[in-house]
N, C-alpha and C. Protein backbone atom coordinates (compact mmCIF):
# COMPACT_ATOMS: atom_id res chain seq x y z
N MET A 1 18.24 28.52 7.18
CA MET A 1 17.03 27.75 6.89
C MET A 1 17.37 26.26 6.79
N ASP A 2 16.46 25.43 7.26
CA ASP A 2 16.74 24.01 7.16
C ASP A 2 16.41 23.51 5.75
N GLU A 3 16.73 22.25 5.48
CA GLU A 3 16.58 21.71 4.13
C GLU A 3 15.14 21.71 3.66
N ALA A 4 14.20 21.42 4.58
CA ALA A 4 12.79 21.39 4.19
C ALA A 4 12.31 22.78 3.79
N ALA A 5 12.71 23.81 4.54
CA ALA A 5 12.30 25.17 4.20
C ALA A 5 12.90 25.62 2.88
N ILE A 6 14.15 25.24 2.63
CA ILE A 6 14.80 25.58 1.36
C ILE A 6 14.07 24.91 0.20
N TRP A 7 13.71 23.62 0.38
CA TRP A 7 12.97 22.89 -0.66
C TRP A 7 11.65 23.58 -0.98
N LEU A 8 10.92 23.98 0.09
CA LEU A 8 9.63 24.63 -0.12
C LEU A 8 9.80 25.97 -0.80
N ALA A 9 10.82 26.75 -0.40
CA ALA A 9 11.05 28.06 -1.01
C ALA A 9 11.36 27.92 -2.50
N GLU A 10 12.13 26.89 -2.86
CA GLU A 10 12.45 26.67 -4.26
C GLU A 10 11.22 26.28 -5.06
N ARG A 11 10.32 25.48 -4.45
CA ARG A 11 9.09 25.09 -5.14
C ARG A 11 8.17 26.29 -5.37
N LEU A 12 8.22 27.26 -4.44
CA LEU A 12 7.39 28.45 -4.55
C LEU A 12 8.04 29.53 -5.40
N GLY A 13 9.25 29.27 -5.90
CA GLY A 13 9.93 30.24 -6.73
C GLY A 13 10.54 31.38 -5.96
N LEU A 14 10.83 31.17 -4.68
CA LEU A 14 11.41 32.21 -3.85
C LEU A 14 12.92 32.03 -3.79
N ASP A 15 13.62 33.14 -3.65
CA ASP A 15 15.07 33.11 -3.53
C ASP A 15 15.42 32.92 -2.06
N TRP A 16 15.65 31.69 -1.67
CA TRP A 16 15.87 31.42 -0.25
C TRP A 16 17.19 32.00 0.24
N GLU A 17 18.14 32.24 -0.68
CA GLU A 17 19.40 32.82 -0.24
C GLU A 17 19.22 34.27 0.20
N GLN A 18 18.17 34.92 -0.32
CA GLN A 18 17.89 36.30 0.07
C GLN A 18 16.86 36.40 1.19
N MET A 19 16.50 35.27 1.75
CA MET A 19 15.47 35.28 2.77
C MET A 19 15.89 34.42 3.94
N ARG A 20 15.76 34.97 5.13
CA ARG A 20 16.00 34.22 6.34
C ARG A 20 14.87 34.48 7.32
N LEU A 21 14.74 33.64 8.32
CA LEU A 21 13.67 33.78 9.30
C LEU A 21 14.25 34.09 10.66
N ASP A 22 13.61 35.01 11.40
CA ASP A 22 14.02 35.23 12.78
C ASP A 22 13.31 34.24 13.69
N ASP A 23 13.48 34.36 14.97
CA ASP A 23 12.90 33.39 15.92
C ASP A 23 11.39 33.41 15.89
N ALA A 24 10.80 34.54 15.50
CA ALA A 24 9.34 34.64 15.48
C ALA A 24 8.75 34.16 14.16
N GLY A 25 9.61 33.70 13.24
CA GLY A 25 9.12 33.19 11.97
C GLY A 25 8.94 34.25 10.91
N ARG A 26 9.39 35.50 11.18
CA ARG A 26 9.29 36.57 10.20
C ARG A 26 10.55 36.59 9.35
N HIS A 27 10.41 36.96 8.06
CA HIS A 27 11.57 36.91 7.18
C HIS A 27 12.26 38.26 7.11
N PHE A 28 13.52 38.26 6.85
CA PHE A 28 14.29 39.47 6.63
C PHE A 28 15.38 39.13 5.63
N THR A 29 15.77 40.07 4.81
CA THR A 29 16.74 39.84 3.75
C THR A 29 18.14 40.02 4.28
N ASN A 30 19.11 39.56 3.47
CA ASN A 30 20.51 39.74 3.85
C ASN A 30 20.81 41.21 4.03
N GLY A 31 21.60 41.55 5.02
CA GLY A 31 21.90 42.93 5.34
C GLY A 31 21.07 43.45 6.48
N GLU A 32 19.96 42.74 6.79
CA GLU A 32 19.15 43.10 7.94
C GLU A 32 19.46 42.16 9.09
N GLU A 33 19.01 42.54 10.25
CA GLU A 33 19.15 41.73 11.44
C GLU A 33 17.78 41.36 11.95
N PRO A 34 17.67 40.27 12.70
CA PRO A 34 16.34 39.84 13.13
C PRO A 34 15.53 40.91 13.82
N GLY A 35 16.15 41.82 14.56
CA GLY A 35 15.38 42.84 15.28
C GLY A 35 14.91 43.97 14.40
N ASP A 36 15.47 44.06 13.16
CA ASP A 36 15.09 45.17 12.28
C ASP A 36 13.63 45.12 11.89
N ALA A 37 13.07 43.91 11.81
CA ALA A 37 11.68 43.80 11.39
C ALA A 37 10.74 44.44 12.39
N ASP A 38 11.17 44.51 13.67
CA ASP A 38 10.33 45.11 14.70
C ASP A 38 10.41 46.63 14.66
N GLN A 39 11.42 47.21 13.99
CA GLN A 39 11.63 48.64 13.99
C GLN A 39 11.13 49.23 12.68
N GLU A 40 9.86 49.02 12.41
CA GLU A 40 9.27 49.51 11.17
C GLU A 40 9.00 50.99 11.28
N SER A 41 9.38 51.74 10.25
CA SER A 41 9.17 53.19 10.27
C SER A 41 7.71 53.50 10.04
N PRO A 42 7.22 54.63 10.57
CA PRO A 42 5.80 55.01 10.37
C PRO A 42 5.44 55.13 8.91
N SER A 43 6.39 55.64 8.08
CA SER A 43 6.07 55.79 6.66
C SER A 43 5.83 54.44 6.00
N ASP A 44 6.65 53.41 6.39
CA ASP A 44 6.44 52.07 5.84
C ASP A 44 5.07 51.54 6.20
N ALA A 45 4.68 51.74 7.46
CA ALA A 45 3.38 51.26 7.91
C ALA A 45 2.26 51.94 7.17
N GLU A 46 2.41 53.28 6.90
CA GLU A 46 1.37 54.00 6.17
C GLU A 46 1.26 53.49 4.75
N ASP A 47 2.44 53.20 4.13
CA ASP A 47 2.41 52.69 2.76
C ASP A 47 1.68 51.36 2.70
N GLU A 48 1.94 50.45 3.67
CA GLU A 48 1.28 49.16 3.69
C GLU A 48 -0.21 49.32 3.89
N THR A 49 -0.62 50.24 4.79
CA THR A 49 -2.03 50.47 5.04
C THR A 49 -2.73 50.99 3.79
N THR A 50 -2.07 51.90 3.10
CA THR A 50 -2.66 52.45 1.88
C THR A 50 -2.79 51.39 0.80
N ALA A 51 -1.73 50.55 0.67
CA ALA A 51 -1.77 49.52 -0.36
C ALA A 51 -2.84 48.49 -0.07
N ASN A 52 -3.09 48.24 1.21
CA ASN A 52 -4.08 47.25 1.59
C ASN A 52 -5.48 47.77 1.34
N GLY A 53 -5.71 49.03 1.64
CA GLY A 53 -6.99 49.64 1.34
C GLY A 53 -8.05 49.43 2.38
N ASN A 54 -7.83 48.63 3.40
CA ASN A 54 -8.87 48.39 4.40
C ASN A 54 -8.40 48.76 5.80
N GLY A 55 -7.35 49.49 5.90
CA GLY A 55 -6.89 49.93 7.21
C GLY A 55 -6.05 48.92 7.93
N LYS A 56 -5.72 47.80 7.30
CA LYS A 56 -4.90 46.78 7.93
C LYS A 56 -3.63 46.58 7.10
N ALA A 57 -2.53 46.43 7.79
CA ALA A 57 -1.28 46.23 7.08
C ALA A 57 -1.30 44.89 6.36
N SER A 58 -0.94 44.90 5.10
CA SER A 58 -0.93 43.66 4.33
C SER A 58 0.18 42.75 4.80
N GLN A 59 -0.08 41.47 4.75
CA GLN A 59 0.91 40.49 5.18
C GLN A 59 1.94 40.29 4.08
N GLU A 60 3.17 40.05 4.50
CA GLU A 60 4.24 39.81 3.54
C GLU A 60 4.04 38.47 2.85
N ARG A 61 4.50 38.38 1.63
CA ARG A 61 4.35 37.15 0.86
C ARG A 61 5.46 36.18 1.23
N THR A 62 5.29 35.54 2.34
CA THR A 62 6.25 34.54 2.80
C THR A 62 5.56 33.19 2.80
N PRO A 63 6.28 32.10 2.55
CA PRO A 63 5.65 30.77 2.55
C PRO A 63 5.14 30.40 3.93
N ASP A 64 4.06 29.65 3.95
CA ASP A 64 3.49 29.17 5.20
C ASP A 64 4.32 28.00 5.70
N MET A 65 5.17 28.25 6.68
CA MET A 65 6.07 27.22 7.17
C MET A 65 5.36 26.17 8.03
N SER A 66 4.07 26.36 8.30
CA SER A 66 3.36 25.37 9.11
C SER A 66 3.23 24.04 8.38
N VAL A 67 3.36 24.07 7.04
CA VAL A 67 3.25 22.81 6.29
C VAL A 67 4.44 21.89 6.56
N LEU A 68 5.51 22.45 7.14
CA LEU A 68 6.67 21.62 7.43
C LEU A 68 6.51 20.86 8.74
N HIS A 69 5.50 21.19 9.49
CA HIS A 69 5.25 20.51 10.76
C HIS A 69 4.18 19.46 10.57
N ARG A 70 4.31 18.37 11.28
CA ARG A 70 3.37 17.26 11.15
C ARG A 70 2.12 17.53 11.98
N HIS A 71 1.01 17.68 11.28
CA HIS A 71 -0.28 17.85 11.95
C HIS A 71 -1.10 16.61 11.61
N GLN A 72 -1.05 15.63 12.45
CA GLN A 72 -1.66 14.34 12.17
C GLN A 72 -2.53 13.91 13.33
N LEU A 73 -3.79 13.64 13.02
CA LEU A 73 -4.70 13.17 14.05
C LEU A 73 -4.39 11.72 14.40
N PRO A 74 -4.55 11.35 15.65
CA PRO A 74 -4.29 9.95 16.01
C PRO A 74 -5.32 9.02 15.38
N ALA A 75 -4.89 7.83 15.03
CA ALA A 75 -5.80 6.84 14.44
C ALA A 75 -6.81 6.38 15.47
N PRO A 76 -8.03 6.06 15.06
CA PRO A 76 -9.01 5.53 16.03
C PRO A 76 -8.54 4.20 16.59
N GLN A 77 -8.93 3.94 17.80
CA GLN A 77 -8.49 2.71 18.47
C GLN A 77 -9.16 1.49 17.85
N LEU A 78 -8.36 0.48 17.56
CA LEU A 78 -8.88 -0.75 16.96
C LEU A 78 -9.61 -1.57 18.02
N PRO A 79 -10.88 -1.96 17.78
CA PRO A 79 -11.59 -2.80 18.74
C PRO A 79 -11.08 -4.25 18.68
N LEU A 80 -10.00 -4.50 19.37
CA LEU A 80 -9.31 -5.78 19.27
C LEU A 80 -10.19 -6.95 19.71
N GLU A 81 -11.18 -6.69 20.56
CA GLU A 81 -12.00 -7.78 21.08
C GLU A 81 -12.83 -8.47 20.00
N VAL A 82 -13.05 -7.81 18.87
CA VAL A 82 -13.87 -8.42 17.81
C VAL A 82 -13.15 -9.59 17.15
N PHE A 83 -11.85 -9.72 17.38
CA PHE A 83 -11.09 -10.81 16.79
C PHE A 83 -11.17 -12.10 17.60
N GLY A 84 -11.84 -12.07 18.74
CA GLY A 84 -12.05 -13.29 19.50
C GLY A 84 -10.94 -13.61 20.48
N PRO A 85 -11.14 -14.64 21.30
CA PRO A 85 -10.20 -14.96 22.38
C PRO A 85 -8.86 -15.49 21.91
N PHE A 86 -8.78 -16.00 20.68
CA PHE A 86 -7.50 -16.50 20.19
C PHE A 86 -6.70 -15.41 19.46
N TRP A 87 -7.37 -14.79 18.47
CA TRP A 87 -6.64 -13.86 17.62
C TRP A 87 -6.36 -12.53 18.29
N ALA A 88 -7.21 -12.09 19.20
CA ALA A 88 -6.97 -10.79 19.84
C ALA A 88 -5.63 -10.77 20.59
N PRO A 89 -5.36 -11.72 21.49
CA PRO A 89 -4.04 -11.70 22.14
C PRO A 89 -2.90 -12.02 21.19
N GLN A 90 -3.17 -12.83 20.16
CA GLN A 90 -2.11 -13.15 19.20
C GLN A 90 -1.69 -11.90 18.42
N LEU A 91 -2.66 -11.12 17.99
CA LEU A 91 -2.35 -9.89 17.27
C LEU A 91 -1.60 -8.91 18.17
N ALA A 92 -2.03 -8.81 19.41
CA ALA A 92 -1.35 -7.91 20.34
C ALA A 92 0.09 -8.36 20.58
N HIS A 93 0.29 -9.68 20.66
CA HIS A 93 1.64 -10.21 20.87
C HIS A 93 2.53 -9.90 19.67
N TRP A 94 2.02 -10.11 18.48
CA TRP A 94 2.81 -9.82 17.28
C TRP A 94 3.12 -8.33 17.17
N ALA A 95 2.14 -7.50 17.50
CA ALA A 95 2.37 -6.06 17.42
C ALA A 95 3.46 -5.62 18.39
N LYS A 96 3.44 -6.19 19.58
CA LYS A 96 4.48 -5.86 20.55
C LYS A 96 5.85 -6.34 20.08
N ALA A 97 5.90 -7.53 19.49
CA ALA A 97 7.17 -8.07 19.01
C ALA A 97 7.73 -7.23 17.86
N ALA A 98 6.84 -6.66 17.04
CA ALA A 98 7.28 -5.87 15.89
C ALA A 98 7.43 -4.40 16.23
N ALA A 99 7.08 -4.02 17.46
CA ALA A 99 7.09 -2.60 17.85
C ALA A 99 6.25 -1.79 16.86
N ALA A 100 5.08 -2.33 16.55
CA ALA A 100 4.22 -1.72 15.55
C ALA A 100 2.81 -1.56 16.12
N PRO A 101 2.03 -0.64 15.56
CA PRO A 101 0.62 -0.55 15.97
C PRO A 101 -0.11 -1.85 15.64
N VAL A 102 -0.99 -2.24 16.52
CA VAL A 102 -1.71 -3.50 16.29
C VAL A 102 -2.58 -3.40 15.05
N ASP A 103 -2.94 -2.17 14.64
CA ASP A 103 -3.73 -1.99 13.42
C ASP A 103 -3.00 -2.55 12.20
N TYR A 104 -1.69 -2.32 12.14
CA TYR A 104 -0.90 -2.81 11.01
C TYR A 104 -0.93 -4.33 10.95
N VAL A 105 -0.77 -4.96 12.09
CA VAL A 105 -0.75 -6.42 12.13
C VAL A 105 -2.13 -6.98 11.77
N ALA A 106 -3.18 -6.40 12.32
CA ALA A 106 -4.53 -6.89 12.05
C ALA A 106 -4.87 -6.76 10.57
N ALA A 107 -4.52 -5.63 9.96
CA ALA A 107 -4.81 -5.44 8.53
C ALA A 107 -4.05 -6.47 7.69
N SER A 108 -2.83 -6.76 8.06
CA SER A 108 -2.04 -7.74 7.31
C SER A 108 -2.63 -9.14 7.44
N VAL A 109 -3.08 -9.50 8.63
CA VAL A 109 -3.66 -10.82 8.85
C VAL A 109 -4.98 -10.96 8.08
N LEU A 110 -5.82 -9.95 8.12
CA LEU A 110 -7.09 -10.02 7.41
C LEU A 110 -6.87 -10.13 5.89
N THR A 111 -5.92 -9.36 5.38
CA THR A 111 -5.64 -9.41 3.94
C THR A 111 -5.08 -10.77 3.54
N GLY A 112 -4.15 -11.28 4.35
CA GLY A 112 -3.58 -12.59 4.06
C GLY A 112 -4.61 -13.70 4.13
N ALA A 113 -5.51 -13.62 5.12
CA ALA A 113 -6.56 -14.64 5.25
C ALA A 113 -7.49 -14.61 4.05
N ALA A 114 -7.84 -13.41 3.59
CA ALA A 114 -8.70 -13.30 2.41
C ALA A 114 -8.03 -13.91 1.19
N MET A 115 -6.72 -13.70 1.07
CA MET A 115 -6.00 -14.26 -0.07
C MET A 115 -5.96 -15.79 -0.01
N LEU A 116 -5.76 -16.34 1.19
CA LEU A 116 -5.70 -17.79 1.33
C LEU A 116 -7.06 -18.44 1.09
N ILE A 117 -8.13 -17.76 1.48
CA ILE A 117 -9.47 -18.29 1.23
C ILE A 117 -9.76 -18.27 -0.27
N GLY A 118 -9.36 -17.18 -0.91
CA GLY A 118 -9.51 -17.08 -2.35
C GLY A 118 -10.96 -17.17 -2.80
N ASN A 119 -11.16 -17.87 -3.89
CA ASN A 119 -12.50 -17.98 -4.48
C ASN A 119 -13.27 -19.19 -3.96
N SER A 120 -12.72 -19.88 -2.97
CA SER A 120 -13.37 -21.10 -2.47
C SER A 120 -14.58 -20.80 -1.59
N ARG A 121 -14.65 -19.60 -1.03
CA ARG A 121 -15.78 -19.21 -0.19
C ARG A 121 -16.20 -17.80 -0.55
N TRP A 122 -17.52 -17.61 -0.62
CA TRP A 122 -18.09 -16.29 -0.84
C TRP A 122 -19.00 -15.95 0.34
N VAL A 123 -19.15 -14.68 0.61
CA VAL A 123 -20.06 -14.25 1.67
C VAL A 123 -21.29 -13.62 1.03
N SER A 124 -22.43 -13.80 1.69
CA SER A 124 -23.69 -13.29 1.16
C SER A 124 -24.47 -12.63 2.29
N PRO A 125 -24.52 -11.28 2.30
CA PRO A 125 -25.28 -10.60 3.35
C PRO A 125 -26.78 -10.81 3.23
N HIS A 126 -27.26 -11.00 2.00
CA HIS A 126 -28.67 -11.33 1.82
C HIS A 126 -28.86 -11.95 0.44
N PHE A 127 -30.08 -12.32 0.13
CA PHE A 127 -30.40 -13.07 -1.09
C PHE A 127 -29.97 -12.28 -2.32
N GLN A 128 -29.35 -12.98 -3.27
CA GLN A 128 -28.92 -12.44 -4.55
C GLN A 128 -27.78 -11.42 -4.42
N TRP A 129 -27.07 -11.47 -3.35
CA TRP A 129 -25.88 -10.62 -3.20
C TRP A 129 -24.78 -11.46 -2.57
N ALA A 130 -23.75 -11.75 -3.36
CA ALA A 130 -22.62 -12.54 -2.87
C ALA A 130 -21.32 -11.87 -3.32
N GLU A 131 -20.35 -11.90 -2.46
CA GLU A 131 -19.06 -11.27 -2.75
C GLU A 131 -17.92 -12.21 -2.37
N PRO A 132 -16.85 -12.25 -3.19
CA PRO A 132 -15.66 -13.03 -2.80
C PRO A 132 -14.91 -12.29 -1.69
N PRO A 133 -14.12 -13.01 -0.91
CA PRO A 133 -13.41 -12.36 0.20
C PRO A 133 -12.18 -11.59 -0.28
N VAL A 134 -12.43 -10.51 -1.02
CA VAL A 134 -11.33 -9.69 -1.53
C VAL A 134 -11.20 -8.46 -0.64
N LEU A 135 -10.03 -8.25 -0.09
CA LEU A 135 -9.77 -7.10 0.77
C LEU A 135 -8.62 -6.28 0.19
N TRP A 136 -8.84 -4.99 0.10
CA TRP A 136 -7.78 -4.07 -0.32
C TRP A 136 -7.40 -3.23 0.90
N THR A 137 -6.22 -3.40 1.40
CA THR A 137 -5.79 -2.68 2.59
C THR A 137 -4.50 -1.93 2.29
N MET A 138 -4.23 -0.93 3.10
CA MET A 138 -3.01 -0.13 2.95
C MET A 138 -2.54 0.29 4.34
N LEU A 139 -1.27 0.08 4.60
CA LEU A 139 -0.67 0.52 5.86
C LEU A 139 -0.08 1.91 5.63
N ILE A 140 -0.65 2.89 6.27
CA ILE A 140 -0.24 4.28 6.08
C ILE A 140 0.53 4.74 7.32
N GLY A 141 1.70 5.27 7.10
CA GLY A 141 2.51 5.76 8.20
C GLY A 141 3.81 6.33 7.70
N PRO A 142 4.49 7.11 8.51
CA PRO A 142 5.77 7.67 8.09
C PRO A 142 6.83 6.59 7.99
N PRO A 143 7.99 6.90 7.43
CA PRO A 143 9.08 5.92 7.39
C PRO A 143 9.44 5.43 8.78
N SER A 144 9.85 4.17 8.86
CA SER A 144 10.26 3.54 10.12
C SER A 144 9.10 3.44 11.11
N ALA A 145 7.88 3.31 10.58
CA ALA A 145 6.71 3.12 11.47
C ALA A 145 6.42 1.64 11.68
N SER A 146 7.35 0.75 11.29
CA SER A 146 7.22 -0.70 11.49
C SER A 146 6.12 -1.31 10.64
N LYS A 147 5.94 -0.77 9.45
CA LYS A 147 4.94 -1.35 8.55
C LYS A 147 5.39 -2.72 8.05
N SER A 148 6.63 -2.83 7.60
CA SER A 148 7.13 -4.11 7.10
C SER A 148 7.21 -5.17 8.20
N PRO A 149 7.74 -4.85 9.39
CA PRO A 149 7.73 -5.86 10.47
C PRO A 149 6.33 -6.33 10.82
N ALA A 150 5.36 -5.42 10.75
CA ALA A 150 3.98 -5.82 11.07
C ALA A 150 3.44 -6.82 10.07
N MET A 151 3.86 -6.73 8.81
CA MET A 151 3.39 -7.66 7.79
C MET A 151 4.14 -8.98 7.80
N SER A 152 5.30 -9.02 8.44
CA SER A 152 6.19 -10.18 8.32
C SER A 152 5.57 -11.45 8.88
N PHE A 153 4.73 -11.35 9.89
CA PHE A 153 4.16 -12.55 10.51
C PHE A 153 3.23 -13.27 9.53
N MET A 154 2.33 -12.52 8.90
CA MET A 154 1.40 -13.14 7.96
C MET A 154 2.11 -13.58 6.70
N ILE A 155 3.10 -12.84 6.28
CA ILE A 155 3.88 -13.23 5.11
C ILE A 155 4.57 -14.57 5.35
N GLN A 156 5.12 -14.76 6.55
CA GLN A 156 5.78 -16.02 6.86
C GLN A 156 4.78 -17.18 6.87
N ILE A 157 3.58 -16.95 7.38
CA ILE A 157 2.55 -17.99 7.37
C ILE A 157 2.23 -18.40 5.94
N MET A 158 2.07 -17.42 5.06
CA MET A 158 1.75 -17.74 3.66
C MET A 158 2.91 -18.45 2.98
N ARG A 159 4.12 -18.11 3.33
CA ARG A 159 5.27 -18.81 2.77
C ARG A 159 5.31 -20.27 3.23
N ASP A 160 4.96 -20.50 4.49
CA ASP A 160 4.91 -21.88 5.00
C ASP A 160 3.84 -22.68 4.27
N VAL A 161 2.68 -22.06 4.07
CA VAL A 161 1.59 -22.75 3.35
C VAL A 161 2.02 -23.08 1.93
N GLU A 162 2.65 -22.12 1.27
CA GLU A 162 3.12 -22.34 -0.09
C GLU A 162 4.17 -23.45 -0.14
N SER A 163 5.03 -23.48 0.86
CA SER A 163 6.06 -24.52 0.90
C SER A 163 5.44 -25.91 1.05
N ASP A 164 4.42 -26.02 1.88
CA ASP A 164 3.75 -27.31 2.06
C ASP A 164 3.04 -27.75 0.78
N LEU A 165 2.41 -26.78 0.11
CA LEU A 165 1.66 -27.12 -1.10
C LEU A 165 2.57 -27.49 -2.27
N THR A 166 3.78 -27.01 -2.27
CA THR A 166 4.68 -27.26 -3.39
C THR A 166 5.79 -28.25 -3.04
N ARG A 167 5.60 -28.98 -1.94
CA ARG A 167 6.64 -29.90 -1.50
C ARG A 167 6.92 -30.97 -2.56
N ASP A 168 5.87 -31.53 -3.19
CA ASP A 168 6.04 -32.55 -4.22
C ASP A 168 5.74 -31.98 -5.61
N PHE A 169 5.97 -30.69 -5.78
CA PHE A 169 5.65 -30.03 -7.04
C PHE A 169 6.42 -30.64 -8.21
N ALA A 170 7.73 -30.84 -8.04
CA ALA A 170 8.55 -31.37 -9.13
C ALA A 170 8.08 -32.77 -9.54
N GLU A 171 7.73 -33.59 -8.55
CA GLU A 171 7.26 -34.95 -8.85
C GLU A 171 5.95 -34.92 -9.63
N LYS A 172 5.04 -34.05 -9.21
CA LYS A 172 3.75 -33.96 -9.90
C LYS A 172 3.92 -33.43 -11.32
N VAL A 173 4.82 -32.50 -11.51
CA VAL A 173 5.07 -31.99 -12.86
C VAL A 173 5.63 -33.10 -13.75
N GLY A 174 6.53 -33.93 -13.19
CA GLY A 174 7.08 -35.05 -13.97
C GLY A 174 6.01 -36.05 -14.35
N GLN A 175 5.10 -36.36 -13.43
CA GLN A 175 4.01 -37.27 -13.74
C GLN A 175 3.09 -36.70 -14.82
N TRP A 176 2.83 -35.40 -14.74
CA TRP A 176 1.97 -34.78 -15.75
C TRP A 176 2.64 -34.82 -17.12
N GLU A 177 3.93 -34.59 -17.19
CA GLU A 177 4.63 -34.61 -18.47
C GLU A 177 4.57 -36.01 -19.10
N ILE A 178 4.71 -37.06 -18.28
CA ILE A 178 4.61 -38.42 -18.81
C ILE A 178 3.20 -38.69 -19.34
N ALA A 179 2.19 -38.30 -18.55
CA ALA A 179 0.81 -38.52 -18.97
C ALA A 179 0.49 -37.72 -20.23
N ASP A 180 1.02 -36.51 -20.31
CA ASP A 180 0.78 -35.67 -21.49
C ASP A 180 1.41 -36.28 -22.73
N LYS A 181 2.62 -36.83 -22.59
CA LYS A 181 3.29 -37.48 -23.71
C LYS A 181 2.53 -38.72 -24.17
N ALA A 182 2.07 -39.50 -23.20
CA ALA A 182 1.32 -40.71 -23.54
C ALA A 182 0.01 -40.37 -24.24
N ALA A 183 -0.66 -39.32 -23.74
CA ALA A 183 -1.92 -38.91 -24.36
C ALA A 183 -1.68 -38.47 -25.81
N GLY A 184 -0.57 -37.78 -26.05
CA GLY A 184 -0.26 -37.35 -27.41
C GLY A 184 -0.04 -38.53 -28.35
N LEU A 185 0.65 -39.58 -27.87
CA LEU A 185 0.89 -40.77 -28.70
C LEU A 185 -0.41 -41.51 -28.98
N HIS A 186 -1.28 -41.63 -27.94
CA HIS A 186 -2.57 -42.29 -28.15
C HIS A 186 -3.41 -41.51 -29.17
N ARG A 187 -3.34 -40.20 -29.09
CA ARG A 187 -4.12 -39.38 -30.02
C ARG A 187 -3.61 -39.56 -31.46
N THR A 188 -2.29 -39.63 -31.61
CA THR A 188 -1.72 -39.82 -32.94
C THR A 188 -2.14 -41.17 -33.53
N GLU A 189 -2.10 -42.23 -32.71
CA GLU A 189 -2.49 -43.56 -33.18
C GLU A 189 -3.97 -43.60 -33.52
N TRP A 190 -4.77 -42.95 -32.67
CA TRP A 190 -6.22 -42.92 -32.95
C TRP A 190 -6.50 -42.19 -34.25
N GLN A 191 -5.77 -41.10 -34.53
CA GLN A 191 -5.98 -40.34 -35.75
C GLN A 191 -5.70 -41.19 -36.99
N LYS A 192 -4.65 -42.05 -36.90
CA LYS A 192 -4.34 -42.93 -38.03
C LYS A 192 -5.48 -43.93 -38.25
N GLN A 193 -5.97 -44.53 -37.16
CA GLN A 193 -7.06 -45.49 -37.28
C GLN A 193 -8.34 -44.82 -37.78
N PHE A 194 -8.56 -43.62 -37.35
CA PHE A 194 -9.76 -42.88 -37.76
C PHE A 194 -9.71 -42.60 -39.26
N ASP A 195 -8.55 -42.13 -39.75
CA ASP A 195 -8.42 -41.83 -41.18
C ASP A 195 -8.60 -43.09 -42.03
N ALA A 196 -8.01 -44.21 -41.56
CA ALA A 196 -8.14 -45.47 -42.32
C ALA A 196 -9.58 -45.93 -42.36
N ALA A 197 -10.28 -45.81 -41.24
CA ALA A 197 -11.68 -46.24 -41.20
C ALA A 197 -12.54 -45.39 -42.12
N ILE A 198 -12.29 -44.09 -42.18
CA ILE A 198 -13.08 -43.20 -43.03
C ILE A 198 -12.86 -43.56 -44.49
N LYS A 199 -11.62 -43.83 -44.86
CA LYS A 199 -11.32 -44.18 -46.25
C LYS A 199 -11.99 -45.48 -46.65
N LYS A 200 -12.09 -46.45 -45.74
CA LYS A 200 -12.71 -47.75 -46.05
C LYS A 200 -14.21 -47.72 -45.87
N GLY A 201 -14.73 -46.63 -45.34
CA GLY A 201 -16.17 -46.56 -45.09
C GLY A 201 -16.59 -47.37 -43.90
N GLU A 202 -15.69 -47.62 -43.01
CA GLU A 202 -15.99 -48.40 -41.81
C GLU A 202 -16.25 -47.47 -40.63
N PRO A 203 -16.87 -47.99 -39.57
CA PRO A 203 -17.07 -47.15 -38.39
C PRO A 203 -15.74 -46.72 -37.79
N HIS A 204 -15.68 -45.49 -37.40
CA HIS A 204 -14.40 -44.99 -36.86
C HIS A 204 -14.27 -45.39 -35.39
N PRO A 205 -13.05 -45.57 -34.94
CA PRO A 205 -12.83 -45.97 -33.55
C PRO A 205 -13.15 -44.84 -32.59
N PRO A 206 -13.53 -45.16 -31.36
CA PRO A 206 -13.82 -44.11 -30.37
C PRO A 206 -12.54 -43.39 -29.94
N LEU A 207 -12.75 -42.20 -29.44
CA LEU A 207 -11.61 -41.43 -28.94
C LEU A 207 -10.94 -42.16 -27.77
N PRO A 208 -9.63 -42.07 -27.67
CA PRO A 208 -8.96 -42.71 -26.53
C PRO A 208 -9.32 -41.99 -25.23
N PRO A 209 -9.28 -42.68 -24.12
CA PRO A 209 -9.62 -42.04 -22.84
C PRO A 209 -8.67 -40.90 -22.51
N THR A 210 -9.21 -39.87 -21.90
CA THR A 210 -8.41 -38.69 -21.56
C THR A 210 -7.87 -38.73 -20.15
N GLY A 211 -8.36 -39.66 -19.33
CA GLY A 211 -7.95 -39.70 -17.94
C GLY A 211 -6.63 -40.44 -17.75
């Protein structure tokens, strides 16, 4: 028995060491030979018929090995033309480069585009109904189906965008820290003047500018 059949037999609580399969998929125990299953004695057949009660020999309690075979319907064809004259050939090119289904690439691009748009744009199919461009997608396929290569193109685009947006990040953080420190000092000085004015019964000074 192969590893998958052994795994299934163990999950079903069967002793796989005492069970083997012949070429026709029928099981026989140790000490028997594959052809022995075909040489059933009449008494055995009568016993099975009697136990079944309906005139048909009862089937042996063996695991259904068909679950070990892949029964998968093909995915519906993606209407690539809906992506327009630019993106349709681009998606096909990326899919060919990644050796992946074009569906994987298209789903990754749509999800990445929705993320980049974010909350800045909402769609409204009709009055009083608006939705943000949030897409939840999943690439489903067996191992080595090129799911990760299919996502790599859009991931690289987002990394480039992030790199451009954060090019002067350190400088902007430094400027903010200086402004924050200055604002804190102005606030402290204003608080002193405010307390002194209240004690003297004088008008209190206005708040310092926040900009």
